[in-house]
């Protein structure tokens, strides 16, 4: 079955975030993300800092390794503590598409976004990220998991 993705062109606004950063082997990514999101949420809860949106992760793939930054959007810059540090999601043009299903199938969403970029004379720039709207521990059916793929771009 071929999935059709609706790719939209957006202008993003700068967003404060609280994150944990690391460089890890690709196979360790799922477990690392669960721990990172849990630890950042714990920090935000201890300091009574509002979570301003769903969890996300930004990626740079480096062969068998991945540089990753994972956390939550927040309404203001945080001080950080231990491994939790302040960061920001950038403003500017980006394409966004939504994937429903297993994380292992996200490559299809990325392919759709990259096709849109190529068709419209745009080139990816910066680090892409995923926004996780569904908590798999709360929704056991992977077909209902919603993940947005965000790819910033520049013209030509």
N, C-alpha and C. Protein backbone atom coordinates (compact mmCIF):
# COMPACT_ATOMS: atom_id res chain seq x y z
N UNK A 1 0.84 -1.19 0.00
CA UNK A 1 0.00 0.00 0.00
C UNK A 1 0.88 1.25 0.00
N UNK A 2 0.60 2.17 -0.90
CA UNK A 2 1.33 3.42 -0.98
C UNK A 2 0.60 4.47 -0.17
N UNK A 3 1.34 5.16 0.68
CA UNK A 3 0.77 6.22 1.50
C UNK A 3 1.03 7.54 0.79
N UNK A 4 0.02 8.38 0.73
CA UNK A 4 0.16 9.71 0.17
C UNK A 4 0.32 10.70 1.32
N UNK A 5 1.33 11.55 1.21
CA UNK A 5 1.60 12.54 2.25
C UNK A 5 1.23 13.93 1.76
N UNK A 6 0.57 14.68 2.62
CA UNK A 6 0.28 16.08 2.36
C UNK A 6 1.45 16.89 2.91
N UNK A 7 2.23 17.49 2.03
CA UNK A 7 3.40 18.28 2.44
C UNK A 7 3.01 19.75 2.36
N UNK A 8 3.19 20.47 3.46
CA UNK A 8 2.83 21.88 3.50
C UNK A 8 4.07 22.75 3.69
N UNK A 9 4.02 23.91 3.09
CA UNK A 9 5.07 24.91 3.18
C UNK A 9 4.69 25.86 4.31
N UNK A 10 5.57 26.03 5.28
CA UNK A 10 5.27 26.90 6.43
C UNK A 10 6.42 27.85 6.70
N UNK A 11 6.11 28.92 7.40
CA UNK A 11 7.13 29.80 7.95
C UNK A 11 7.06 29.64 9.46
N UNK A 12 8.12 29.08 10.02
CA UNK A 12 8.15 28.78 11.45
C UNK A 12 8.61 29.99 12.25
N UNK A 13 8.17 30.05 13.50
CA UNK A 13 8.67 31.06 14.42
C UNK A 13 9.65 30.39 15.39
N UNK A 14 10.62 31.15 15.83
CA UNK A 14 11.62 30.69 16.78
C UNK A 14 10.93 30.16 18.04
N UNK A 15 11.38 29.04 18.58
CA UNK A 15 10.74 28.42 19.75
C UNK A 15 11.80 28.00 20.77
N UNK A 16 11.67 28.50 22.01
CA UNK A 16 12.55 28.05 23.08
C UNK A 16 12.29 26.58 23.36
N UNK A 17 13.35 25.85 23.74
CA UNK A 17 13.22 24.44 24.08
C UNK A 17 14.13 24.10 25.26
N UNK A 18 13.80 22.99 25.92
CA UNK A 18 14.67 22.37 26.92
C UNK A 18 15.00 20.99 26.38
N UNK A 19 16.29 20.65 26.29
CA UNK A 19 16.71 19.43 25.60
C UNK A 19 17.85 18.72 26.32
N UNK A 20 18.07 17.51 25.88
CA UNK A 20 19.30 16.77 26.17
C UNK A 20 19.93 16.47 24.82
N UNK A 21 21.26 16.63 24.73
CA UNK A 21 21.99 16.36 23.49
C UNK A 21 22.94 15.19 23.70
N UNK A 22 23.19 14.46 22.63
CA UNK A 22 24.15 13.37 22.71
C UNK A 22 24.50 12.92 21.30
N UNK A 23 25.52 12.11 21.18
CA UNK A 23 25.86 11.42 19.94
C UNK A 23 25.89 9.94 20.28
N UNK A 24 25.05 9.17 19.59
CA UNK A 24 24.85 7.77 19.97
C UNK A 24 24.80 6.88 18.74
N UNK A 25 24.99 5.57 18.92
CA UNK A 25 24.79 4.65 17.80
C UNK A 25 23.32 4.63 17.39
N UNK A 26 23.04 4.55 16.10
CA UNK A 26 21.66 4.56 15.59
C UNK A 26 20.75 3.54 16.28
N UNK A 27 21.20 2.30 16.51
CA UNK A 27 20.29 1.33 17.13
C UNK A 27 19.84 1.72 18.55
N UNK A 28 20.60 2.58 19.22
CA UNK A 28 20.26 2.99 20.58
C UNK A 28 19.24 4.13 20.63
N UNK A 29 18.89 4.68 19.46
CA UNK A 29 18.04 5.86 19.41
C UNK A 29 16.68 5.71 20.10
N UNK A 30 15.89 4.68 19.85
CA UNK A 30 14.56 4.61 20.49
C UNK A 30 14.61 4.65 22.02
N UNK A 31 15.49 3.85 22.62
CA UNK A 31 15.58 3.84 24.08
C UNK A 31 16.14 5.16 24.59
N UNK A 32 17.11 5.74 23.87
CA UNK A 32 17.68 7.02 24.29
C UNK A 32 16.61 8.11 24.28
N UNK A 33 15.78 8.14 23.23
CA UNK A 33 14.73 9.16 23.14
C UNK A 33 13.75 9.04 24.31
N UNK A 34 13.34 7.82 24.65
CA UNK A 34 12.42 7.65 25.79
C UNK A 34 13.02 8.22 27.07
N UNK A 35 14.29 7.91 27.32
CA UNK A 35 14.95 8.42 28.54
C UNK A 35 15.10 9.94 28.49
N UNK A 36 15.50 10.46 27.34
CA UNK A 36 15.71 11.91 27.23
C UNK A 36 14.41 12.66 27.47
N UNK A 37 13.32 12.23 26.84
CA UNK A 37 12.04 12.91 27.04
C UNK A 37 11.59 12.80 28.49
N UNK A 38 11.76 11.64 29.09
CA UNK A 38 11.40 11.46 30.50
C UNK A 38 12.23 12.40 31.39
N UNK A 39 13.53 12.48 31.15
CA UNK A 39 14.40 13.30 32.00
C UNK A 39 14.13 14.80 31.82
N UNK A 40 13.88 15.24 30.59
CA UNK A 40 13.56 16.65 30.36
C UNK A 40 12.22 16.99 31.01
N UNK A 41 11.22 16.12 30.85
CA UNK A 41 9.91 16.36 31.48
C UNK A 41 10.05 16.42 32.99
N UNK A 42 10.90 15.58 33.57
CA UNK A 42 11.14 15.61 35.01
C UNK A 42 11.75 16.93 35.44
N UNK A 43 12.74 17.42 34.71
CA UNK A 43 13.34 18.72 35.01
C UNK A 43 12.29 19.82 34.95
N UNK A 44 11.50 19.84 33.88
CA UNK A 44 10.49 20.88 33.73
C UNK A 44 9.47 20.81 34.86
N UNK A 45 9.08 19.62 35.26
CA UNK A 45 8.14 19.47 36.36
C UNK A 45 8.71 19.96 37.68
N UNK A 46 9.97 19.61 37.96
CA UNK A 46 10.60 20.06 39.22
C UNK A 46 10.65 21.57 39.32
N UNK A 47 10.89 22.24 38.20
CA UNK A 47 11.01 23.70 38.20
C UNK A 47 9.69 24.38 37.82
N UNK A 48 8.63 23.60 37.69
CA UNK A 48 7.30 24.13 37.34
C UNK A 48 7.33 24.99 36.08
N UNK A 49 8.01 24.47 35.09
CA UNK A 49 8.09 25.15 33.79
C UNK A 49 7.09 24.46 32.87
N UNK A 50 6.22 25.25 32.29
CA UNK A 50 5.18 24.73 31.41
C UNK A 50 5.78 24.10 30.16
N UNK A 51 5.23 22.97 29.77
CA UNK A 51 5.58 22.35 28.49
C UNK A 51 4.66 22.96 27.44
N UNK A 52 5.25 23.56 26.40
CA UNK A 52 4.48 24.34 25.44
C UNK A 52 4.16 23.59 24.15
N UNK A 53 4.32 22.27 24.15
CA UNK A 53 4.02 21.49 22.96
C UNK A 53 4.51 20.07 23.11
N UNK A 54 4.26 19.25 22.10
CA UNK A 54 4.66 17.85 22.18
C UNK A 54 6.18 17.67 22.12
N UNK A 55 6.66 16.50 22.56
CA UNK A 55 8.09 16.23 22.49
C UNK A 55 8.57 16.20 21.04
N UNK A 56 9.87 16.49 20.88
CA UNK A 56 10.47 16.49 19.55
C UNK A 56 11.88 15.94 19.65
N UNK A 57 12.47 15.66 18.51
CA UNK A 57 13.89 15.29 18.42
C UNK A 57 14.44 15.81 17.10
N UNK A 58 15.64 16.40 17.18
CA UNK A 58 16.37 16.88 15.99
C UNK A 58 17.53 15.93 15.75
N UNK A 59 17.81 15.69 14.47
CA UNK A 59 18.81 14.68 14.13
C UNK A 59 19.83 15.16 13.10
N UNK A 60 21.06 14.71 13.28
CA UNK A 60 22.09 14.76 12.25
C UNK A 60 22.68 13.38 12.19
N UNK A 61 22.52 12.70 11.05
CA UNK A 61 23.03 11.35 10.91
C UNK A 61 24.48 11.40 10.45
N UNK A 62 25.32 10.67 11.19
CA UNK A 62 26.76 10.67 10.98
C UNK A 62 27.23 9.22 10.77
N UNK A 63 26.87 8.65 9.65
CA UNK A 63 27.22 7.25 9.41
C UNK A 63 26.44 6.36 10.36
N UNK A 64 27.15 5.58 11.15
CA UNK A 64 26.50 4.68 12.11
C UNK A 64 26.08 5.39 13.39
N UNK A 65 26.45 6.64 13.53
CA UNK A 65 26.12 7.43 14.72
C UNK A 65 25.05 8.46 14.36
N UNK A 66 24.39 8.99 15.39
CA UNK A 66 23.44 10.08 15.18
C UNK A 66 23.66 11.11 16.29
N UNK A 67 23.79 12.37 15.88
CA UNK A 67 23.80 13.47 16.84
C UNK A 67 22.35 13.84 17.04
N UNK A 68 21.90 13.83 18.27
CA UNK A 68 20.47 14.03 18.54
C UNK A 68 20.29 15.04 19.67
N UNK A 69 19.21 15.80 19.54
CA UNK A 69 18.78 16.76 20.56
C UNK A 69 17.30 16.49 20.76
N UNK A 70 16.89 16.14 21.98
CA UNK A 70 15.49 15.78 22.21
C UNK A 70 14.97 16.48 23.45
N UNK A 71 13.72 16.93 23.37
CA UNK A 71 13.12 17.60 24.52
C UNK A 71 11.74 18.12 24.20
N UNK A 72 11.44 19.28 24.80
CA UNK A 72 10.11 19.89 24.69
C UNK A 72 10.23 21.38 24.42
N UNK A 73 9.26 21.95 23.69
CA UNK A 73 9.17 23.40 23.60
C UNK A 73 8.73 23.97 24.95
N UNK A 74 9.23 25.15 25.27
CA UNK A 74 8.89 25.83 26.52
C UNK A 74 8.63 27.30 26.23
N UNK A 75 7.90 28.00 27.12
CA UNK A 75 7.53 29.39 26.83
C UNK A 75 8.65 30.41 26.98
N UNK A 76 9.74 30.03 27.65
CA UNK A 76 10.85 30.97 27.86
C UNK A 76 12.14 30.17 27.97
N UNK A 77 13.26 30.86 27.88
CA UNK A 77 14.54 30.18 28.00
C UNK A 77 14.68 29.57 29.39
N UNK A 78 15.20 28.36 29.45
CA UNK A 78 15.42 27.68 30.73
C UNK A 78 16.88 27.79 31.12
N UNK A 79 17.15 27.61 32.41
CA UNK A 79 18.53 27.65 32.89
C UNK A 79 19.25 26.34 32.60
N UNK A 80 18.51 25.23 32.67
CA UNK A 80 19.11 23.93 32.50
C UNK A 80 19.65 23.40 33.82
N UNK A 81 19.94 22.10 33.80
CA UNK A 81 20.44 21.44 35.01
C UNK A 81 20.97 20.08 34.59
N UNK A 82 22.21 19.78 34.96
CA UNK A 82 22.79 18.51 34.56
C UNK A 82 22.85 18.41 33.05
N UNK A 83 22.28 17.34 32.51
CA UNK A 83 22.30 17.14 31.05
C UNK A 83 21.24 17.96 30.32
N UNK A 84 20.27 18.51 31.03
CA UNK A 84 19.21 19.32 30.39
C UNK A 84 19.76 20.73 30.15
N UNK A 85 19.66 21.18 28.90
CA UNK A 85 20.20 22.49 28.52
C UNK A 85 19.15 23.27 27.71
N UNK A 86 19.30 24.60 27.66
CA UNK A 86 18.40 25.39 26.81
C UNK A 86 18.80 25.25 25.34
N UNK A 87 17.81 25.37 24.48
CA UNK A 87 18.04 25.37 23.04
C UNK A 87 16.88 26.10 22.38
N UNK A 88 16.86 26.08 21.06
CA UNK A 88 15.77 26.71 20.30
C UNK A 88 15.55 25.96 19.01
N UNK A 89 14.31 25.92 18.60
CA UNK A 89 13.98 25.49 17.24
C UNK A 89 13.97 26.76 16.40
N UNK A 90 14.57 26.73 15.21
CA UNK A 90 14.75 27.95 14.43
C UNK A 90 13.48 28.43 13.75
N UNK A 91 13.52 29.71 13.38
CA UNK A 91 12.45 30.27 12.56
C UNK A 91 12.83 30.13 11.10
N UNK A 92 11.89 30.45 10.23
CA UNK A 92 12.17 30.43 8.80
C UNK A 92 11.32 29.42 8.06
N UNK A 93 11.56 29.31 6.75
CA UNK A 93 10.75 28.42 5.92
C UNK A 93 11.08 26.95 6.17
N UNK A 94 10.04 26.14 6.12
CA UNK A 94 10.21 24.69 6.30
C UNK A 94 9.03 23.98 5.64
N UNK A 95 9.26 22.73 5.28
CA UNK A 95 8.16 21.87 4.86
C UNK A 95 7.83 20.95 6.02
N UNK A 96 6.54 20.65 6.13
CA UNK A 96 6.06 19.78 7.21
C UNK A 96 5.11 18.76 6.61
N UNK A 97 5.27 17.53 7.02
CA UNK A 97 4.32 16.49 6.64
C UNK A 97 4.04 15.63 7.87
N UNK A 98 2.89 15.00 7.86
CA UNK A 98 2.47 14.17 8.99
C UNK A 98 2.47 12.71 8.59
N UNK A 99 3.06 11.89 9.45
CA UNK A 99 3.11 10.44 9.26
C UNK A 99 2.26 9.78 10.33
N UNK A 100 1.39 8.88 9.91
CA UNK A 100 0.63 8.04 10.83
C UNK A 100 1.17 6.63 10.70
N UNK A 101 1.69 6.09 11.79
CA UNK A 101 2.19 4.73 11.75
C UNK A 101 3.46 4.57 12.54
N UNK A 102 4.09 3.42 12.31
CA UNK A 102 5.30 3.06 13.04
C UNK A 102 6.44 4.01 12.72
N UNK A 103 7.29 4.22 13.71
CA UNK A 103 8.46 5.07 13.51
C UNK A 103 9.39 4.48 12.44
N UNK A 104 9.43 3.17 12.34
CA UNK A 104 10.28 2.51 11.36
C UNK A 104 9.89 2.87 9.92
N UNK A 105 8.69 3.39 9.72
CA UNK A 105 8.21 3.74 8.38
C UNK A 105 8.31 5.23 8.08
N UNK A 106 8.96 6.00 8.95
CA UNK A 106 9.07 7.44 8.74
C UNK A 106 9.84 7.82 7.48
N UNK A 107 10.64 6.91 6.96
CA UNK A 107 11.41 7.21 5.75
C UNK A 107 10.49 7.62 4.60
N UNK A 108 9.28 7.08 4.56
CA UNK A 108 8.33 7.45 3.50
C UNK A 108 7.93 8.92 3.60
N UNK A 109 7.74 9.41 4.83
CA UNK A 109 7.40 10.82 5.04
C UNK A 109 8.56 11.72 4.63
N UNK A 110 9.78 11.32 4.99
CA UNK A 110 10.95 12.09 4.59
C UNK A 110 11.09 12.12 3.07
N UNK A 111 10.85 11.00 2.42
CA UNK A 111 10.94 10.95 0.96
C UNK A 111 9.92 11.88 0.32
N UNK A 112 8.71 11.93 0.84
CA UNK A 112 7.68 12.83 0.31
C UNK A 112 8.09 14.29 0.49
N UNK A 113 8.63 14.62 1.65
CA UNK A 113 9.07 16.00 1.91
C UNK A 113 10.23 16.37 0.98
N UNK A 114 11.17 15.46 0.78
CA UNK A 114 12.31 15.75 -0.10
C UNK A 114 11.87 15.89 -1.57
N UNK A 115 10.88 15.10 -1.98
CA UNK A 115 10.34 15.25 -3.34
C UNK A 115 9.73 16.64 -3.51
N UNK A 116 8.97 17.10 -2.49
CA UNK A 116 8.37 18.44 -2.54
C UNK A 116 9.47 19.49 -2.68
N UNK A 117 10.51 19.36 -1.87
CA UNK A 117 11.62 20.33 -1.92
C UNK A 117 12.24 20.37 -3.32
N UNK A 118 12.51 19.21 -3.88
CA UNK A 118 13.14 19.14 -5.21
C UNK A 118 12.21 19.72 -6.28
N UNK A 119 10.94 19.40 -6.22
CA UNK A 119 9.97 19.88 -7.20
C UNK A 119 9.84 21.40 -7.15
N UNK A 120 9.98 21.99 -5.96
CA UNK A 120 9.80 23.43 -5.79
C UNK A 120 11.11 24.21 -5.74
N UNK A 121 12.23 23.57 -6.10
CA UNK A 121 13.50 24.27 -6.18
C UNK A 121 14.04 24.71 -4.83
N UNK A 122 13.80 23.92 -3.81
CA UNK A 122 14.27 24.25 -2.46
C UNK A 122 15.32 23.22 -2.04
N UNK A 123 16.20 23.60 -1.13
CA UNK A 123 17.22 22.68 -0.62
C UNK A 123 17.14 22.63 0.90
N UNK A 124 17.21 21.43 1.46
CA UNK A 124 17.18 21.32 2.92
C UNK A 124 18.34 22.09 3.53
N UNK A 125 18.11 22.68 4.67
CA UNK A 125 19.16 23.41 5.37
C UNK A 125 18.99 23.18 6.87
N UNK A 126 20.06 23.20 7.56
CA UNK A 126 19.96 23.00 9.00
C UNK A 126 19.60 21.57 9.34
N UNK A 127 19.17 21.38 10.56
CA UNK A 127 18.87 20.06 11.08
C UNK A 127 17.36 19.85 11.08
N UNK A 128 16.92 18.71 10.57
CA UNK A 128 15.48 18.40 10.55
C UNK A 128 15.05 17.86 11.91
N UNK A 129 13.74 17.84 12.14
CA UNK A 129 13.26 17.29 13.40
C UNK A 129 11.92 16.61 13.23
N UNK A 130 11.59 15.82 14.24
CA UNK A 130 10.32 15.10 14.31
C UNK A 130 9.59 15.56 15.56
N UNK A 131 8.27 15.71 15.44
CA UNK A 131 7.41 16.08 16.57
C UNK A 131 6.49 14.89 16.82
N UNK A 132 6.50 14.41 18.06
CA UNK A 132 5.77 13.19 18.43
C UNK A 132 4.47 13.55 19.13
N UNK A 133 3.37 13.43 18.41
CA UNK A 133 2.06 13.80 18.96
C UNK A 133 1.41 12.67 19.76
N UNK A 134 1.91 11.46 19.60
CA UNK A 134 1.30 10.31 20.25
C UNK A 134 2.31 9.62 21.15
N UNK A 135 1.91 9.30 22.36
CA UNK A 135 2.75 8.56 23.30
C UNK A 135 2.46 7.08 23.11
N UNK A 136 3.42 6.31 22.59
CA UNK A 136 3.18 4.88 22.36
C UNK A 136 2.84 4.10 23.63
N UNK A 137 3.21 4.61 24.80
CA UNK A 137 2.83 3.92 26.03
C UNK A 137 1.36 4.12 26.35
N UNK A 138 0.73 5.14 25.76
CA UNK A 138 -0.68 5.40 25.96
C UNK A 138 -1.55 4.90 24.81
N UNK A 139 -0.95 4.80 23.62
CA UNK A 139 -1.67 4.32 22.43
C UNK A 139 -0.93 3.11 21.87
N UNK A 140 -1.42 1.90 22.13
CA UNK A 140 -0.71 0.70 21.70
C UNK A 140 -0.77 0.42 20.20
N UNK A 141 -1.70 1.02 19.47
CA UNK A 141 -1.86 0.75 18.04
C UNK A 141 -0.94 1.68 17.23
N UNK A 142 0.15 1.16 16.67
CA UNK A 142 1.07 2.00 15.91
C UNK A 142 0.41 2.72 14.73
N UNK A 143 -0.65 2.19 14.18
CA UNK A 143 -1.33 2.85 13.06
C UNK A 143 -1.89 4.21 13.47
N UNK A 144 -2.06 4.43 14.77
CA UNK A 144 -2.62 5.70 15.26
C UNK A 144 -1.54 6.68 15.75
N UNK A 145 -0.27 6.28 15.67
CA UNK A 145 0.81 7.17 16.10
C UNK A 145 0.98 8.28 15.07
N UNK A 146 1.00 9.53 15.54
CA UNK A 146 1.16 10.69 14.66
C UNK A 146 2.51 11.34 14.92
N UNK A 147 3.28 11.49 13.85
CA UNK A 147 4.58 12.15 13.91
C UNK A 147 4.67 13.17 12.79
N UNK A 148 5.01 14.41 13.13
CA UNK A 148 5.26 15.42 12.10
C UNK A 148 6.75 15.44 11.78
N UNK A 149 7.07 15.52 10.50
CA UNK A 149 8.44 15.66 10.02
C UNK A 149 8.61 17.10 9.56
N UNK A 150 9.64 17.77 10.08
CA UNK A 150 9.88 19.18 9.77
C UNK A 150 11.27 19.31 9.16
N UNK A 151 11.33 19.87 7.94
CA UNK A 151 12.62 20.07 7.26
C UNK A 151 12.74 21.53 6.85
N UNK A 152 13.61 22.30 7.54
CA UNK A 152 13.88 23.68 7.10
C UNK A 152 14.53 23.67 5.71
N UNK A 153 14.31 24.75 4.96
CA UNK A 153 14.88 24.80 3.61
C UNK A 153 15.32 26.21 3.26
N UNK A 154 16.08 26.25 2.16
CA UNK A 154 16.47 27.52 1.53
C UNK A 154 16.11 27.41 0.05
N UNK A 155 16.06 28.52 -0.62
CA UNK A 155 15.74 28.50 -2.05
C UNK A 155 16.96 28.06 -2.84
N UNK A 156 16.71 27.15 -3.81
CA UNK A 156 17.67 26.66 -4.77
C UNK A 156 18.99 26.32 -4.25
